[in-house]
N, C-alpha and C. Protein backbone atom coordinates (compact mmCIF):
# COMPACT_ATOMS: atom_id res chain seq x y z
N UNK A 1 -59.56 -60.08 61.39
CA UNK A 1 -59.24 -60.88 60.20
C UNK A 1 -60.33 -60.73 59.14
N UNK A 2 -59.90 -60.75 57.91
CA UNK A 2 -60.87 -60.66 56.82
C UNK A 2 -61.61 -61.98 56.71
N UNK A 3 -62.92 -61.91 56.56
CA UNK A 3 -63.71 -63.13 56.47
C UNK A 3 -63.43 -63.86 55.17
N UNK A 4 -63.73 -65.18 55.19
CA UNK A 4 -63.53 -65.98 53.97
C UNK A 4 -64.40 -65.46 52.84
N UNK A 5 -65.62 -65.01 53.19
CA UNK A 5 -66.53 -64.48 52.16
C UNK A 5 -65.97 -63.20 51.56
N UNK A 6 -65.38 -62.35 52.43
CA UNK A 6 -64.79 -61.11 51.93
C UNK A 6 -63.60 -61.38 51.03
N UNK A 7 -62.80 -62.39 51.40
CA UNK A 7 -61.64 -62.75 50.58
C UNK A 7 -62.07 -63.23 49.21
N UNK A 8 -63.13 -64.09 49.20
CA UNK A 8 -63.64 -64.60 47.91
C UNK A 8 -64.17 -63.45 47.06
N UNK A 9 -64.86 -62.49 47.73
CA UNK A 9 -65.39 -61.35 46.99
C UNK A 9 -64.28 -60.51 46.39
N UNK A 10 -63.20 -60.31 47.16
CA UNK A 10 -62.07 -59.53 46.67
C UNK A 10 -61.42 -60.22 45.48
N UNK A 11 -61.27 -61.51 45.57
CA UNK A 11 -60.66 -62.26 44.46
C UNK A 11 -61.53 -62.20 43.22
N UNK A 12 -62.84 -62.29 43.43
CA UNK A 12 -63.75 -62.23 42.29
C UNK A 12 -63.67 -60.85 41.62
N UNK A 13 -63.58 -59.81 42.44
CA UNK A 13 -63.45 -58.45 41.89
C UNK A 13 -62.16 -58.30 41.10
N UNK A 14 -61.08 -58.86 41.63
CA UNK A 14 -59.80 -58.79 40.94
C UNK A 14 -59.85 -59.54 39.61
N UNK A 15 -60.52 -60.70 39.64
CA UNK A 15 -60.65 -61.49 38.41
C UNK A 15 -61.47 -60.73 37.36
N UNK A 16 -62.55 -60.09 37.82
CA UNK A 16 -63.38 -59.31 36.89
C UNK A 16 -62.58 -58.15 36.30
N UNK A 17 -61.78 -57.50 37.14
CA UNK A 17 -60.96 -56.38 36.66
C UNK A 17 -59.93 -56.86 35.64
N UNK A 18 -59.31 -58.00 35.93
CA UNK A 18 -58.32 -58.54 35.00
C UNK A 18 -58.97 -58.91 33.68
N UNK A 19 -60.16 -59.51 33.73
CA UNK A 19 -60.86 -59.87 32.49
C UNK A 19 -61.19 -58.61 31.68
N UNK A 20 -61.64 -57.57 32.37
CA UNK A 20 -61.96 -56.32 31.68
C UNK A 20 -60.72 -55.73 31.02
N UNK A 21 -59.58 -55.80 31.70
CA UNK A 21 -58.32 -55.29 31.14
C UNK A 21 -57.93 -56.10 29.90
N UNK A 22 -58.10 -57.40 29.96
CA UNK A 22 -57.75 -58.25 28.82
C UNK A 22 -58.68 -57.99 27.64
N UNK A 23 -59.96 -57.77 27.92
CA UNK A 23 -60.91 -57.48 26.85
C UNK A 23 -60.57 -56.15 26.18
N UNK A 24 -60.19 -55.16 26.99
CA UNK A 24 -59.81 -53.86 26.44
C UNK A 24 -58.55 -54.00 25.58
N UNK A 25 -57.60 -54.77 26.07
CA UNK A 25 -56.36 -54.98 25.31
C UNK A 25 -56.65 -55.73 24.01
N UNK A 26 -57.54 -56.72 24.09
CA UNK A 26 -57.89 -57.48 22.88
C UNK A 26 -58.50 -56.57 21.83
N UNK A 27 -59.35 -55.66 22.27
CA UNK A 27 -59.99 -54.73 21.33
C UNK A 27 -58.93 -53.86 20.63
N UNK A 28 -57.97 -53.36 21.39
CA UNK A 28 -56.93 -52.51 20.81
C UNK A 28 -56.06 -53.28 19.82
N UNK A 29 -55.73 -54.51 20.17
CA UNK A 29 -54.89 -55.32 19.29
C UNK A 29 -55.66 -55.68 18.01
N UNK A 30 -56.93 -56.04 18.16
CA UNK A 30 -57.75 -56.37 16.99
C UNK A 30 -57.86 -55.18 16.05
N UNK A 31 -57.99 -53.98 16.61
CA UNK A 31 -58.08 -52.78 15.77
C UNK A 31 -56.79 -52.55 14.98
N UNK A 32 -55.67 -52.97 15.55
CA UNK A 32 -54.38 -52.81 14.87
C UNK A 32 -54.13 -53.92 13.86
N UNK A 33 -54.47 -55.16 14.22
CA UNK A 33 -54.07 -56.32 13.43
C UNK A 33 -55.21 -56.99 12.68
N UNK A 34 -56.45 -56.75 13.10
CA UNK A 34 -57.59 -57.46 12.53
C UNK A 34 -57.89 -58.72 13.33
N UNK A 35 -59.13 -59.15 13.30
CA UNK A 35 -59.54 -60.31 14.10
C UNK A 35 -58.77 -61.56 13.69
N UNK A 36 -58.71 -61.83 12.39
CA UNK A 36 -58.10 -63.08 11.94
C UNK A 36 -56.60 -63.13 12.20
N UNK A 37 -55.93 -61.97 12.25
CA UNK A 37 -54.48 -61.94 12.42
C UNK A 37 -54.05 -61.80 13.88
N UNK A 38 -55.00 -61.58 14.76
CA UNK A 38 -54.66 -61.42 16.18
C UNK A 38 -54.39 -62.76 16.82
N UNK A 39 -53.30 -62.84 17.59
CA UNK A 39 -52.96 -64.05 18.34
C UNK A 39 -53.01 -63.75 19.83
N UNK A 40 -53.18 -64.79 20.61
CA UNK A 40 -53.15 -64.64 22.07
C UNK A 40 -51.81 -64.03 22.49
N UNK A 41 -50.75 -64.42 21.81
CA UNK A 41 -49.42 -63.90 22.14
C UNK A 41 -49.36 -62.38 21.95
N UNK A 42 -50.08 -61.86 20.95
CA UNK A 42 -50.10 -60.41 20.72
C UNK A 42 -50.79 -59.69 21.88
N UNK A 43 -51.86 -60.29 22.36
CA UNK A 43 -52.60 -59.68 23.48
C UNK A 43 -51.79 -59.78 24.76
N UNK A 44 -51.10 -60.90 24.93
CA UNK A 44 -50.24 -61.07 26.10
C UNK A 44 -49.14 -60.02 26.11
N UNK A 45 -48.55 -59.77 24.96
CA UNK A 45 -47.49 -58.77 24.86
C UNK A 45 -48.02 -57.37 25.16
N UNK A 46 -49.23 -57.09 24.67
CA UNK A 46 -49.82 -55.76 24.88
C UNK A 46 -50.14 -55.49 26.34
N UNK A 47 -50.40 -56.56 27.10
CA UNK A 47 -50.75 -56.40 28.51
C UNK A 47 -49.61 -56.78 29.44
N UNK A 48 -48.49 -57.22 28.84
CA UNK A 48 -47.32 -57.62 29.64
C UNK A 48 -47.66 -58.74 30.63
N UNK A 49 -48.44 -59.72 30.14
CA UNK A 49 -48.75 -60.89 30.95
C UNK A 49 -48.44 -62.14 30.13
N UNK A 50 -48.52 -63.27 30.74
CA UNK A 50 -48.24 -64.52 30.04
C UNK A 50 -49.47 -65.00 29.29
N UNK A 51 -49.23 -65.79 28.26
CA UNK A 51 -50.33 -66.41 27.55
C UNK A 51 -51.13 -67.33 28.45
N UNK A 52 -50.44 -67.92 29.41
CA UNK A 52 -51.10 -68.81 30.36
C UNK A 52 -52.14 -68.08 31.19
N UNK A 53 -51.82 -66.84 31.59
CA UNK A 53 -52.77 -66.06 32.38
C UNK A 53 -54.01 -65.74 31.55
N UNK A 54 -53.81 -65.43 30.28
CA UNK A 54 -54.96 -65.15 29.41
C UNK A 54 -55.83 -66.39 29.29
N UNK A 55 -55.20 -67.55 29.12
CA UNK A 55 -55.97 -68.79 28.99
C UNK A 55 -56.62 -69.20 30.31
N UNK A 56 -56.13 -68.67 31.42
CA UNK A 56 -56.79 -68.91 32.72
C UNK A 56 -58.17 -68.25 32.72
N UNK A 57 -58.26 -67.08 32.09
CA UNK A 57 -59.53 -66.35 32.07
C UNK A 57 -60.38 -66.68 30.84
N UNK A 58 -59.73 -67.01 29.73
CA UNK A 58 -60.43 -67.31 28.49
C UNK A 58 -59.80 -68.57 27.89
N UNK A 59 -60.60 -69.61 27.74
CA UNK A 59 -60.05 -70.90 27.32
C UNK A 59 -59.38 -70.83 25.95
N UNK A 60 -59.95 -70.05 25.05
CA UNK A 60 -59.43 -69.98 23.68
C UNK A 60 -59.41 -68.53 23.20
N UNK A 61 -58.71 -68.31 22.12
CA UNK A 61 -58.73 -66.98 21.49
C UNK A 61 -60.14 -66.64 21.03
N UNK A 62 -60.85 -67.62 20.49
CA UNK A 62 -62.21 -67.37 20.02
C UNK A 62 -63.11 -66.89 21.15
N UNK A 63 -62.95 -67.49 22.33
CA UNK A 63 -63.75 -67.06 23.48
C UNK A 63 -63.42 -65.63 23.87
N UNK A 64 -62.14 -65.29 23.85
CA UNK A 64 -61.70 -63.94 24.19
C UNK A 64 -62.26 -62.92 23.20
N UNK A 65 -62.16 -63.21 21.91
CA UNK A 65 -62.65 -62.29 20.89
C UNK A 65 -64.17 -62.15 20.98
N UNK A 66 -64.84 -63.27 21.21
CA UNK A 66 -66.29 -63.25 21.33
C UNK A 66 -66.73 -62.38 22.50
N UNK A 67 -66.08 -62.54 23.64
CA UNK A 67 -66.44 -61.75 24.82
C UNK A 67 -66.12 -60.27 24.60
N UNK A 68 -65.04 -60.00 23.87
CA UNK A 68 -64.69 -58.62 23.57
C UNK A 68 -65.78 -57.97 22.71
N UNK A 69 -66.24 -58.69 21.68
CA UNK A 69 -67.29 -58.17 20.82
C UNK A 69 -68.60 -58.00 21.60
N UNK A 70 -68.89 -58.95 22.48
CA UNK A 70 -70.11 -58.86 23.27
C UNK A 70 -70.07 -57.66 24.21
N UNK A 71 -68.91 -57.41 24.80
CA UNK A 71 -68.77 -56.25 25.69
C UNK A 71 -68.95 -54.95 24.91
N UNK A 72 -68.45 -54.92 23.67
CA UNK A 72 -68.60 -53.73 22.83
C UNK A 72 -70.06 -53.51 22.47
N UNK A 73 -70.76 -54.59 22.18
CA UNK A 73 -72.20 -54.50 21.89
C UNK A 73 -72.93 -53.94 23.11
N UNK A 74 -72.58 -54.43 24.30
CA UNK A 74 -73.23 -53.96 25.51
C UNK A 74 -73.04 -52.47 25.73
N UNK A 75 -71.83 -52.00 25.46
CA UNK A 75 -71.53 -50.58 25.61
C UNK A 75 -72.32 -49.74 24.61
N UNK A 76 -72.38 -50.19 23.37
CA UNK A 76 -73.12 -49.45 22.35
C UNK A 76 -74.62 -49.45 22.65
N UNK A 77 -75.12 -50.60 23.10
CA UNK A 77 -76.55 -50.70 23.41
C UNK A 77 -76.94 -49.77 24.55
N UNK A 78 -76.05 -49.62 25.53
CA UNK A 78 -76.33 -48.73 26.66
C UNK A 78 -76.38 -47.27 26.19
N UNK A 79 -75.43 -46.89 25.32
CA UNK A 79 -75.44 -45.54 24.78
C UNK A 79 -76.67 -45.27 23.93
N UNK A 80 -77.07 -46.25 23.15
CA UNK A 80 -78.24 -46.12 22.29
C UNK A 80 -79.51 -45.96 23.13
N UNK A 81 -79.61 -46.74 24.20
CA UNK A 81 -80.79 -46.67 25.08
C UNK A 81 -80.94 -45.27 25.68
N UNK A 82 -79.83 -44.67 26.07
CA UNK A 82 -79.86 -43.31 26.63
C UNK A 82 -80.42 -42.32 25.62
N UNK A 83 -80.02 -42.46 24.37
CA UNK A 83 -80.48 -41.53 23.34
C UNK A 83 -81.96 -41.72 23.04
N UNK A 84 -82.38 -42.97 22.94
CA UNK A 84 -83.78 -43.29 22.61
C UNK A 84 -84.72 -42.79 23.71
N UNK A 85 -84.30 -42.94 24.96
CA UNK A 85 -85.17 -42.58 26.09
C UNK A 85 -84.86 -41.21 26.66
N UNK A 86 -83.99 -40.46 25.99
CA UNK A 86 -83.56 -39.16 26.48
C UNK A 86 -84.58 -38.06 26.26
N UNK A 87 -84.22 -36.82 26.58
CA UNK A 87 -85.14 -35.69 26.46
C UNK A 87 -85.31 -35.24 25.02
N UNK A 88 -86.30 -34.37 24.81
CA UNK A 88 -86.50 -33.79 23.49
C UNK A 88 -87.62 -34.45 22.72
N UNK A 89 -87.96 -33.85 21.59
CA UNK A 89 -88.99 -34.42 20.72
C UNK A 89 -88.47 -35.71 20.09
N UNK A 90 -89.38 -36.48 19.50
CA UNK A 90 -88.97 -37.73 18.86
C UNK A 90 -88.05 -37.45 17.67
N UNK A 91 -88.31 -36.38 16.95
CA UNK A 91 -87.45 -36.01 15.82
C UNK A 91 -86.04 -35.72 16.31
N UNK A 92 -85.93 -34.99 17.40
CA UNK A 92 -84.61 -34.67 17.96
C UNK A 92 -83.88 -35.93 18.41
N UNK A 93 -84.61 -36.84 19.02
CA UNK A 93 -83.99 -38.10 19.48
C UNK A 93 -83.58 -38.97 18.30
N UNK A 94 -84.41 -39.01 17.26
CA UNK A 94 -84.05 -39.78 16.07
C UNK A 94 -82.79 -39.20 15.45
N UNK A 95 -82.68 -37.88 15.42
CA UNK A 95 -81.48 -37.25 14.86
C UNK A 95 -80.25 -37.62 15.68
N UNK A 96 -80.38 -37.67 17.00
CA UNK A 96 -79.25 -38.06 17.84
C UNK A 96 -78.84 -39.50 17.57
N UNK A 97 -79.83 -40.36 17.34
CA UNK A 97 -79.53 -41.76 17.03
C UNK A 97 -78.81 -41.86 15.70
N UNK A 98 -79.25 -41.10 14.70
CA UNK A 98 -78.56 -41.11 13.41
C UNK A 98 -77.12 -40.66 13.57
N UNK A 99 -76.90 -39.61 14.34
CA UNK A 99 -75.54 -39.11 14.56
C UNK A 99 -74.69 -40.12 15.32
N UNK A 100 -75.32 -40.85 16.24
CA UNK A 100 -74.62 -41.88 17.01
C UNK A 100 -74.21 -43.04 16.10
N UNK A 101 -75.07 -43.36 15.14
CA UNK A 101 -74.81 -44.45 14.19
C UNK A 101 -73.65 -44.11 13.27
N UNK A 102 -73.62 -42.85 12.84
CA UNK A 102 -72.63 -42.42 11.85
C UNK A 102 -71.28 -42.19 12.52
N UNK A 103 -70.18 -42.69 11.93
CA UNK A 103 -68.85 -42.49 12.53
C UNK A 103 -68.48 -41.03 12.64
N UNK A 104 -67.72 -40.68 13.68
CA UNK A 104 -67.22 -39.32 13.82
C UNK A 104 -66.18 -39.01 12.73
N UNK A 105 -65.47 -40.05 12.30
CA UNK A 105 -64.47 -39.91 11.25
C UNK A 105 -64.28 -41.26 10.58
N UNK A 106 -63.50 -41.28 9.49
CA UNK A 106 -63.25 -42.56 8.81
C UNK A 106 -62.38 -43.48 9.66
N UNK A 107 -61.74 -42.92 10.68
CA UNK A 107 -60.93 -43.74 11.58
C UNK A 107 -61.67 -44.17 12.82
N UNK A 108 -63.00 -44.02 12.83
CA UNK A 108 -63.81 -44.40 13.98
C UNK A 108 -63.55 -45.86 14.34
N UNK A 109 -63.08 -46.07 15.56
CA UNK A 109 -62.64 -47.41 15.95
C UNK A 109 -63.79 -48.41 16.00
N UNK A 110 -64.94 -47.96 16.44
CA UNK A 110 -66.07 -48.87 16.53
C UNK A 110 -66.45 -49.44 15.17
N UNK A 111 -66.52 -48.55 14.16
CA UNK A 111 -66.90 -49.03 12.83
C UNK A 111 -65.81 -49.86 12.18
N UNK A 112 -64.56 -49.53 12.42
CA UNK A 112 -63.47 -50.36 11.89
C UNK A 112 -63.59 -51.77 12.46
N UNK A 113 -63.90 -51.84 13.75
CA UNK A 113 -64.07 -53.15 14.40
C UNK A 113 -65.23 -53.92 13.78
N UNK A 114 -66.37 -53.25 13.57
CA UNK A 114 -67.53 -53.97 13.05
C UNK A 114 -67.38 -54.37 11.59
N UNK A 115 -66.72 -53.54 10.80
CA UNK A 115 -66.48 -53.93 9.41
C UNK A 115 -65.60 -55.17 9.36
N UNK A 116 -64.60 -55.21 10.23
CA UNK A 116 -63.74 -56.40 10.33
C UNK A 116 -64.57 -57.61 10.79
N UNK A 117 -65.46 -57.37 11.73
CA UNK A 117 -66.30 -58.47 12.24
C UNK A 117 -67.24 -59.00 11.16
N UNK A 118 -67.76 -58.10 10.30
CA UNK A 118 -68.62 -58.56 9.21
C UNK A 118 -67.89 -59.56 8.32
N UNK A 119 -66.63 -59.25 8.01
CA UNK A 119 -65.84 -60.16 7.17
C UNK A 119 -65.61 -61.49 7.88
N UNK A 120 -65.30 -61.42 9.16
CA UNK A 120 -65.08 -62.65 9.95
C UNK A 120 -66.36 -63.46 10.05
N UNK A 121 -67.49 -62.76 10.17
CA UNK A 121 -68.76 -63.43 10.34
C UNK A 121 -69.18 -64.28 9.15
N UNK A 122 -68.56 -64.06 7.99
CA UNK A 122 -68.86 -64.90 6.83
C UNK A 122 -68.47 -66.35 7.09
N UNK A 123 -67.46 -66.54 7.95
CA UNK A 123 -66.95 -67.90 8.19
C UNK A 123 -67.10 -68.36 9.64
N UNK A 124 -67.29 -67.42 10.55
CA UNK A 124 -67.39 -67.78 11.97
C UNK A 124 -68.82 -67.58 12.45
N UNK A 125 -69.51 -68.68 12.76
CA UNK A 125 -70.93 -68.60 13.11
C UNK A 125 -71.15 -67.79 14.38
N UNK A 126 -70.27 -67.92 15.36
CA UNK A 126 -70.48 -67.21 16.62
C UNK A 126 -70.40 -65.69 16.40
N UNK A 127 -69.50 -65.24 15.54
CA UNK A 127 -69.41 -63.81 15.22
C UNK A 127 -70.64 -63.38 14.42
N UNK A 128 -71.08 -64.23 13.53
CA UNK A 128 -72.28 -63.95 12.75
C UNK A 128 -73.48 -63.75 13.68
N UNK A 129 -73.59 -64.57 14.70
CA UNK A 129 -74.71 -64.46 15.66
C UNK A 129 -74.61 -63.17 16.47
N UNK A 130 -73.39 -62.78 16.83
CA UNK A 130 -73.21 -61.53 17.56
C UNK A 130 -73.60 -60.32 16.70
N UNK A 131 -73.27 -60.38 15.43
CA UNK A 131 -73.64 -59.29 14.53
C UNK A 131 -75.15 -59.20 14.36
N UNK A 132 -75.81 -60.35 14.34
CA UNK A 132 -77.27 -60.36 14.29
C UNK A 132 -77.85 -59.74 15.56
N UNK A 133 -77.20 -60.02 16.68
CA UNK A 133 -77.63 -59.44 17.96
C UNK A 133 -77.48 -57.92 17.94
N UNK A 134 -76.37 -57.45 17.38
CA UNK A 134 -76.15 -56.01 17.28
C UNK A 134 -77.18 -55.36 16.36
N UNK A 135 -77.41 -55.95 15.20
CA UNK A 135 -78.40 -55.41 14.27
C UNK A 135 -79.79 -55.38 14.90
N UNK A 136 -80.13 -56.45 15.63
CA UNK A 136 -81.45 -56.53 16.26
C UNK A 136 -81.63 -55.41 17.28
N UNK A 137 -80.56 -55.10 18.02
CA UNK A 137 -80.63 -54.03 19.02
C UNK A 137 -80.88 -52.68 18.35
N UNK A 138 -80.18 -52.43 17.25
CA UNK A 138 -80.36 -51.17 16.53
C UNK A 138 -81.75 -51.07 15.93
N UNK A 139 -82.20 -52.14 15.28
CA UNK A 139 -83.52 -52.12 14.64
C UNK A 139 -84.61 -51.93 15.69
N UNK A 140 -84.49 -52.61 16.83
CA UNK A 140 -85.49 -52.47 17.89
C UNK A 140 -85.54 -51.04 18.43
N UNK A 141 -84.38 -50.42 18.56
CA UNK A 141 -84.33 -49.06 19.09
C UNK A 141 -84.94 -48.06 18.11
N UNK A 142 -84.61 -48.22 16.83
CA UNK A 142 -85.18 -47.33 15.81
C UNK A 142 -86.69 -47.54 15.72
N UNK A 143 -87.11 -48.81 15.79
CA UNK A 143 -88.55 -49.10 15.76
C UNK A 143 -89.25 -48.44 16.94
N UNK A 144 -88.64 -48.52 18.12
CA UNK A 144 -89.22 -47.91 19.31
C UNK A 144 -89.41 -46.41 19.12
N UNK A 145 -88.40 -45.76 18.54
CA UNK A 145 -88.50 -44.32 18.29
C UNK A 145 -89.61 -44.01 17.28
N UNK A 146 -89.69 -44.78 16.24
CA UNK A 146 -90.71 -44.54 15.21
C UNK A 146 -92.10 -44.71 15.80
N UNK A 147 -92.29 -45.75 16.60
CA UNK A 147 -93.59 -45.97 17.24
C UNK A 147 -93.94 -44.81 18.18
N UNK A 148 -92.93 -44.32 18.89
CA UNK A 148 -93.16 -43.17 19.77
C UNK A 148 -93.58 -41.95 18.97
N UNK A 149 -92.94 -41.77 17.81
CA UNK A 149 -93.29 -40.64 16.94
C UNK A 149 -94.70 -40.76 16.39
N UNK A 150 -95.09 -41.98 16.03
CA UNK A 150 -96.45 -42.20 15.53
C UNK A 150 -97.46 -41.90 16.64
N UNK A 151 -97.19 -42.42 17.84
CA UNK A 151 -98.10 -42.20 18.97
C UNK A 151 -98.22 -40.72 19.33
N UNK A 152 -97.11 -39.99 19.15
CA UNK A 152 -97.10 -38.57 19.49
C UNK A 152 -97.66 -37.70 18.37
N UNK A 153 -97.95 -38.32 17.22
CA UNK A 153 -98.46 -37.56 16.09
C UNK A 153 -97.38 -36.85 15.30
N UNK A 154 -96.11 -37.15 15.57
CA UNK A 154 -95.00 -36.52 14.85
C UNK A 154 -94.68 -37.26 13.55
N UNK A 155 -94.93 -38.58 13.54
CA UNK A 155 -94.59 -39.41 12.39
C UNK A 155 -95.84 -40.06 11.81
N UNK A 156 -95.74 -40.43 10.55
CA UNK A 156 -96.75 -41.25 9.89
C UNK A 156 -96.04 -42.45 9.30
N UNK A 157 -96.35 -43.63 9.84
CA UNK A 157 -95.67 -44.85 9.38
C UNK A 157 -96.54 -46.05 9.71
N UNK A 158 -96.90 -46.83 8.68
CA UNK A 158 -97.76 -48.00 8.87
C UNK A 158 -96.99 -49.23 9.32
N UNK A 159 -95.69 -49.23 9.11
CA UNK A 159 -94.87 -50.42 9.42
C UNK A 159 -93.57 -49.99 10.11
N UNK A 160 -93.63 -49.65 11.40
CA UNK A 160 -92.43 -49.18 12.10
C UNK A 160 -91.27 -50.17 12.06
N UNK A 161 -91.56 -51.47 12.19
CA UNK A 161 -90.46 -52.44 12.15
C UNK A 161 -89.81 -52.46 10.77
N UNK A 162 -90.61 -52.52 9.72
CA UNK A 162 -90.06 -52.54 8.38
C UNK A 162 -89.26 -51.28 8.09
N UNK A 163 -89.77 -50.13 8.54
CA UNK A 163 -89.06 -48.87 8.34
C UNK A 163 -87.72 -48.89 9.06
N UNK A 164 -87.71 -49.41 10.29
CA UNK A 164 -86.47 -49.49 11.06
C UNK A 164 -85.47 -50.43 10.39
N UNK A 165 -85.96 -51.54 9.87
CA UNK A 165 -85.09 -52.51 9.20
C UNK A 165 -84.47 -51.91 7.94
N UNK A 166 -85.28 -51.21 7.16
CA UNK A 166 -84.75 -50.59 5.94
C UNK A 166 -83.74 -49.51 6.27
N UNK A 167 -84.07 -48.69 7.27
CA UNK A 167 -83.17 -47.60 7.65
C UNK A 167 -81.84 -48.15 8.17
N UNK A 168 -81.90 -49.20 8.95
CA UNK A 168 -80.68 -49.83 9.45
C UNK A 168 -79.81 -50.32 8.30
N UNK A 169 -80.44 -50.94 7.29
CA UNK A 169 -79.69 -51.44 6.14
C UNK A 169 -79.07 -50.31 5.32
N UNK A 170 -79.84 -49.24 5.11
CA UNK A 170 -79.33 -48.10 4.36
C UNK A 170 -78.12 -47.48 5.08
N UNK A 171 -78.24 -47.31 6.39
CA UNK A 171 -77.15 -46.71 7.17
C UNK A 171 -75.90 -47.58 7.12
N UNK A 172 -76.06 -48.89 7.25
CA UNK A 172 -74.90 -49.78 7.16
C UNK A 172 -74.16 -49.58 5.84
N UNK A 173 -74.92 -49.58 4.75
CA UNK A 173 -74.29 -49.43 3.44
C UNK A 173 -73.59 -48.09 3.27
N UNK A 174 -74.23 -47.01 3.73
CA UNK A 174 -73.64 -45.69 3.61
C UNK A 174 -72.37 -45.57 4.45
N UNK A 175 -72.42 -46.11 5.67
CA UNK A 175 -71.26 -46.00 6.56
C UNK A 175 -70.08 -46.79 6.02
N UNK A 176 -70.33 -47.97 5.48
CA UNK A 176 -69.25 -48.77 4.91
C UNK A 176 -68.63 -48.03 3.72
N UNK A 177 -69.47 -47.44 2.90
CA UNK A 177 -68.95 -46.67 1.76
C UNK A 177 -68.12 -45.49 2.24
N UNK A 178 -68.62 -44.78 3.24
CA UNK A 178 -67.92 -43.62 3.81
C UNK A 178 -66.56 -44.03 4.38
N UNK A 179 -66.52 -45.18 5.04
CA UNK A 179 -65.29 -45.64 5.69
C UNK A 179 -64.26 -46.15 4.68
N UNK A 180 -64.73 -46.86 3.67
CA UNK A 180 -63.80 -47.50 2.73
C UNK A 180 -63.42 -46.62 1.54
N UNK A 181 -64.27 -45.66 1.20
CA UNK A 181 -64.02 -44.85 0.01
C UNK A 181 -64.07 -43.36 0.36
N UNK A 182 -63.01 -42.85 0.96
CA UNK A 182 -62.98 -41.47 1.47
C UNK A 182 -63.33 -40.40 0.44
N UNK A 183 -62.98 -40.63 -0.82
CA UNK A 183 -63.19 -39.58 -1.81
C UNK A 183 -64.63 -39.51 -2.32
N UNK A 184 -65.44 -40.49 -2.00
CA UNK A 184 -66.78 -40.56 -2.57
C UNK A 184 -67.88 -39.95 -1.71
N UNK A 185 -67.63 -39.85 -0.39
CA UNK A 185 -68.72 -39.45 0.50
C UNK A 185 -68.17 -38.75 1.73
N UNK A 186 -68.60 -37.51 1.95
CA UNK A 186 -68.20 -36.78 3.16
C UNK A 186 -69.16 -37.13 4.29
N UNK A 187 -68.75 -36.85 5.53
CA UNK A 187 -69.63 -37.13 6.67
C UNK A 187 -70.88 -36.25 6.60
N UNK A 188 -70.73 -35.01 6.18
CA UNK A 188 -71.88 -34.12 6.06
C UNK A 188 -72.89 -34.67 5.06
N UNK A 189 -72.38 -35.16 3.94
CA UNK A 189 -73.26 -35.74 2.92
C UNK A 189 -73.91 -37.03 3.44
N UNK A 190 -73.15 -37.80 4.19
CA UNK A 190 -73.67 -39.04 4.77
C UNK A 190 -74.84 -38.73 5.71
N UNK A 191 -74.68 -37.73 6.57
CA UNK A 191 -75.76 -37.35 7.48
C UNK A 191 -76.97 -36.87 6.70
N UNK A 192 -76.74 -36.13 5.62
CA UNK A 192 -77.85 -35.67 4.79
C UNK A 192 -78.62 -36.85 4.20
N UNK A 193 -77.89 -37.84 3.67
CA UNK A 193 -78.53 -39.05 3.13
C UNK A 193 -79.33 -39.76 4.22
N UNK A 194 -78.74 -39.87 5.41
CA UNK A 194 -79.40 -40.58 6.51
C UNK A 194 -80.70 -39.87 6.91
N UNK A 195 -80.66 -38.56 6.97
CA UNK A 195 -81.86 -37.81 7.33
C UNK A 195 -82.94 -37.93 6.26
N UNK A 196 -82.55 -37.89 5.00
CA UNK A 196 -83.53 -38.02 3.92
C UNK A 196 -84.19 -39.40 3.98
N UNK A 197 -83.37 -40.45 4.18
CA UNK A 197 -83.90 -41.81 4.27
C UNK A 197 -84.85 -41.94 5.46
N UNK A 198 -84.46 -41.39 6.60
CA UNK A 198 -85.30 -41.47 7.80
C UNK A 198 -86.59 -40.68 7.61
N UNK A 199 -86.48 -39.50 7.02
CA UNK A 199 -87.66 -38.65 6.81
C UNK A 199 -88.69 -39.35 5.92
N UNK A 200 -88.21 -40.01 4.88
CA UNK A 200 -89.13 -40.71 3.97
C UNK A 200 -89.85 -41.85 4.70
N UNK A 201 -89.14 -42.51 5.60
CA UNK A 201 -89.73 -43.64 6.31
C UNK A 201 -90.80 -43.20 7.31
N UNK A 202 -90.67 -41.98 7.86
CA UNK A 202 -91.60 -41.57 8.92
C UNK A 202 -92.52 -40.43 8.50
N UNK A 203 -92.51 -40.10 7.22
CA UNK A 203 -93.47 -39.15 6.70
C UNK A 203 -93.28 -37.71 7.12
N UNK A 204 -92.02 -37.27 7.21
CA UNK A 204 -91.74 -35.88 7.54
C UNK A 204 -90.83 -35.27 6.48
N UNK A 205 -90.66 -33.96 6.52
CA UNK A 205 -89.72 -33.30 5.64
C UNK A 205 -88.34 -33.32 6.31
N UNK A 206 -87.26 -33.56 5.55
CA UNK A 206 -85.91 -33.57 6.16
C UNK A 206 -85.58 -32.28 6.92
N UNK A 207 -86.23 -31.17 6.55
CA UNK A 207 -85.97 -29.91 7.24
C UNK A 207 -86.46 -29.93 8.69
N UNK A 208 -87.24 -30.95 9.05
CA UNK A 208 -87.73 -31.07 10.42
C UNK A 208 -86.61 -31.42 11.40
N UNK A 209 -85.51 -31.96 10.89
CA UNK A 209 -84.39 -32.30 11.77
C UNK A 209 -83.69 -31.02 12.23
N UNK A 210 -83.09 -31.06 13.41
CA UNK A 210 -82.43 -29.86 13.95
C UNK A 210 -81.29 -29.39 13.05
N UNK A 211 -80.93 -28.11 13.20
CA UNK A 211 -79.76 -27.58 12.48
C UNK A 211 -78.51 -28.32 12.93
N UNK A 212 -77.44 -28.20 12.13
CA UNK A 212 -76.22 -28.96 12.41
C UNK A 212 -75.36 -28.37 13.53
N UNK A 213 -75.75 -27.25 14.09
CA UNK A 213 -74.91 -26.67 15.15
C UNK A 213 -74.78 -27.63 16.31
């Protein structure tokens, strides 16, 4: 017979799996409808479950959306950590971080989600706090890279935190422009701007970044 502890563990695993499925479905629905227009009923329909089951795992729509955004932040932070601590020179790693920040296309789902979240965050404090958490993770990672470059003698920067904060702000503005105004900025031009901004902050020539191959 299966032990009571094993049964509880199995149920907990099933509950975790169901929550993960609902969070994934919520993300897809939000990308289609927007945060403010998404209803629990829409997510229930997308997963072919009842609204009651969703409320069993998440008390409110706000809790579900919040957890979905938090899970997305966790995923991005894990990818960012790999790049920051990965192989190669500091310049090469900084270039990988810039490329990771910049959308692959104007339809990049992650950036569409965050632009929508920025608008929601104007009125929803919990979303605003999550966005601050996301920004803090990016700034800390860029600061870590800049400090590593200074220590290695690759960069010259008296204020790594300030440089990271400015670079994060510049990238946000460029990416939003790239996403919302397709005719004004190509991805290649966006990467060029990002490299120039980063190079100025760390005292190198933009040509120090790897070729685009």
